[in-house]
Amino acid sequence: VKLREWFRPLAPSMLEENGREVFGVEHHDPFMITVIEVAEEWKEKIPAVVHVDGTARPQMVSRDVNPRYWNLINEFKKLTGIPMLLNT
């Protein structure tokens, strides 16, 4: 996996419709160029993608725009309850 600084973890690719649940607000960024605060109850569930300041840099995956990737993430969510995958 990429060698990243300890304070900059990898980013999640996640189902766009779960943004409010994970971040507490709507967030629509398909390119991982913005950071957003992770809801407190999610920080322990997804520590690999949470920055030291409690934020993440998610790629929001839309079912309409990228149905194959959305389906992959959704299958993982069915198995784990986590609506995201680690994006290297």
C-alpha atoms as a PDB file:
ATOM      1  CA  VAL A   1       0.000   0.000   0.000  1.00  0.00           C
ATOM      2  CA  LYS A   2       1.104   3.575  -0.532  1.00  0.00           C
ATOM      3  CA  LEU A   3       3.545   4.968   1.970  1.00  0.00           C
ATOM      4  CA  ARG A   4       1.681   7.879   3.493  1.00  0.00           C
ATOM      5  CA  GLU A   5       2.468  10.190   6.345  1.00  0.00           C
ATOM      6  CA  TRP A   6       1.091   8.916   9.670  1.00  0.00           C
ATOM      7  CA  PHE A   7      -1.346  11.844   9.826  1.00  0.00           C
ATOM      8  CA  ARG A   8      -2.777  11.349   6.309  1.00  0.00           C
ATOM      9  CA  PRO A   9      -4.583   8.020   5.999  1.00  0.00           C
ATOM     10  CA  LEU A  10      -6.057   6.593   2.846  1.00  0.00           C
ATOM     11  CA  ALA A  11      -9.433   7.773   1.612  1.00  0.00           C
ATOM     12  CA  PRO A  12     -12.743   5.930   1.465  1.00  0.00           C
ATOM     13  CA  SER A  13     -14.834   5.332  -1.623  1.00  0.00           C
ATOM     14  CA  MET A  14     -18.359   5.265  -0.317  1.00  0.00           C
ATOM     15  CA  LEU A  15     -21.985   5.126  -1.289  1.00  0.00           C
ATOM     16  CA  GLU A  16     -23.178   8.674  -1.853  1.00  0.00           C
ATOM     17  CA  GLU A  17     -26.511   8.046  -0.151  1.00  0.00           C
ATOM     18  CA  ASN A  18     -24.775   7.163   3.139  1.00  0.00           C
ATOM     19  CA  GLY A  19     -22.990  10.508   3.385  1.00  0.00           C
ATOM     20  CA  ARG A  20     -25.415  12.037   5.874  1.00  0.00           C
ATOM     21  CA  GLU A  21     -25.140   8.977   8.135  1.00  0.00           C
ATOM     22  CA  VAL A  22     -21.317   8.965   8.156  1.00  0.00           C
ATOM     23  CA  PHE A  23     -20.706  12.733   8.160  1.00  0.00           C
ATOM     24  CA  GLY A  24     -23.894  14.194   9.635  1.00  0.00           C
ATOM     25  CA  VAL A  25     -24.422  16.352   6.520  1.00  0.00           C
ATOM     26  CA  GLU A  26     -24.924  15.813   2.806  1.00  0.00           C
ATOM     27  CA  HIS A  27     -21.649  15.585   0.914  1.00  0.00           C
ATOM     28  CA  HIS A  28     -21.282  15.120  -2.837  1.00  0.00           C
ATOM     29  CA  ASP A  29     -17.644  14.998  -3.960  1.00  0.00           C
ATOM     30  CA  PRO A  30     -16.783  12.306  -6.510  1.00  0.00           C
ATOM     31  CA  PHE A  31     -13.091  13.295  -6.692  1.00  0.00           C
ATOM     32  CA  MET A  32     -11.679  13.106  -3.118  1.00  0.00           C
ATOM     33  CA  ILE A  33     -10.631  16.766  -3.147  1.00  0.00           C
ATOM     34  CA  THR A  34     -12.437  17.974  -0.035  1.00  0.00           C
ATOM     35  CA  VAL A  35     -12.307  16.907   3.580  1.00  0.00           C
ATOM     36  CA  ILE A  36     -15.264  16.630   5.910  1.00  0.00           C
ATOM     37  CA  GLU A  37     -15.713  15.882   9.605  1.00  0.00           C
ATOM     38  CA  VAL A  38     -16.621  12.263  10.334  1.00  0.00           C
ATOM     39  CA  ALA A  39     -19.580  11.759  12.690  1.00  0.00           C
ATOM     40  CA  GLU A  40     -18.364  10.738  16.145  1.00  0.00           C
ATOM     41  CA  GLU A  41     -20.137   7.359  16.105  1.00  0.00           C
ATOM     42  CA  TRP A  42     -18.339   6.425  12.857  1.00  0.00           C
ATOM     43  CA  LYS A  43     -14.776   7.336  13.813  1.00  0.00           C
ATOM     44  CA  GLU A  44     -14.123   4.047  15.618  1.00  0.00           C
ATOM     45  CA  LYS A  45     -15.812   2.018  12.858  1.00  0.00           C
ATOM     46  CA  ILE A  46     -13.581   3.368  10.073  1.00  0.00           C
ATOM     47  CA  PRO A  47     -10.253   4.391  11.679  1.00  0.00           C
ATOM     48  CA  ALA A  48      -8.133   3.671   8.585  1.00  0.00           C
ATOM     49  CA  VAL A  49      -9.726   6.605   6.741  1.00  0.00           C
ATOM     50  CA  VAL A  50     -10.051   9.146   9.568  1.00  0.00           C
ATOM     51  CA  HIS A  51      -7.396  11.872   9.738  1.00  0.00           C
ATOM     52  CA  VAL A  52      -5.917  12.953  13.078  1.00  0.00           C
ATOM     53  CA  ASP A  53      -8.271  15.954  13.066  1.00  0.00           C
ATOM     54  CA  GLY A  54     -11.362  13.716  12.725  1.00  0.00           C
ATOM     55  CA  THR A  55     -11.946  14.352   9.026  1.00  0.00           C
ATOM     56  CA  ALA A  56     -11.929  12.134   5.954  1.00  0.00           C
ATOM     57  CA  ARG A  57     -11.423  12.794   2.246  1.00  0.00           C
ATOM     58  CA  PRO A  58     -14.150  10.623   0.703  1.00  0.00           C
ATOM     59  CA  GLN A  59     -14.946   9.745  -2.867  1.00  0.00           C
ATOM     60  CA  MET A  60     -18.730   9.733  -3.007  1.00  0.00           C
ATOM     61  CA  VAL A  61     -19.849   7.047  -5.470  1.00  0.00           C
ATOM     62  CA  SER A  62     -23.153   7.608  -7.245  1.00  0.00           C
ATOM     63  CA  ARG A  63     -25.200   4.663  -8.416  1.00  0.00           C
ATOM     64  CA  ASP A  64     -26.159   6.587 -11.566  1.00  0.00           C
ATOM     65  CA  VAL A  65     -22.624   7.661 -12.490  1.00  0.00           C
ATOM     66  CA  ASN A  66     -20.649   4.528 -11.574  1.00  0.00           C
ATOM     67  CA  PRO A  67     -23.046   1.588 -11.126  1.00  0.00           C
ATOM     68  CA  ARG A  68     -20.399  -1.166 -11.156  1.00  0.00           C
ATOM     69  CA  TYR A  69     -18.310   0.396  -8.398  1.00  0.00           C
ATOM     70  CA  TRP A  70     -21.458   1.349  -6.484  1.00  0.00           C
ATOM     71  CA  ASN A  71     -22.600  -2.305  -6.616  1.00  0.00           C
ATOM     72  CA  LEU A  72     -19.236  -3.533  -5.322  1.00  0.00           C
ATOM     73  CA  ILE A  73     -19.346  -1.139  -2.370  1.00  0.00           C
ATOM     74  CA  ASN A  74     -22.987  -2.004  -1.722  1.00  0.00           C
ATOM     75  CA  GLU A  75     -22.172  -5.733  -1.573  1.00  0.00           C
ATOM     76  CA  PHE A  76     -19.453  -4.975   0.985  1.00  0.00           C
ATOM     77  CA  LYS A  77     -22.004  -2.943   2.964  1.00  0.00           C
ATOM     78  CA  LYS A  78     -24.401  -5.924   2.959  1.00  0.00           C
ATOM     79  CA  LEU A  79     -21.659  -8.115   4.460  1.00  0.00           C
ATOM     80  CA  THR A  80     -20.214  -5.649   6.982  1.00  0.00           C
ATOM     81  CA  GLY A  81     -22.603  -2.747   7.529  1.00  0.00           C
ATOM     82  CA  ILE A  82     -19.832  -0.387   6.355  1.00  0.00           C
ATOM     83  CA  PRO A  83     -20.858   1.564   3.201  1.00  0.00           C
ATOM     84  CA  MET A  84     -17.315   2.141   1.960  1.00  0.00           C
ATOM     85  CA  LEU A  85     -14.101   0.582   0.749  1.00  0.00           C
ATOM     86  CA  LEU A  86     -10.546   1.747   1.262  1.00  0.00           C
ATOM     87  CA  ASN A  87      -9.391   3.651  -1.816  1.00  0.00           C
ATOM     88  CA  THR A  88      -5.634   3.626  -2.360  1.00  0.00           C
END
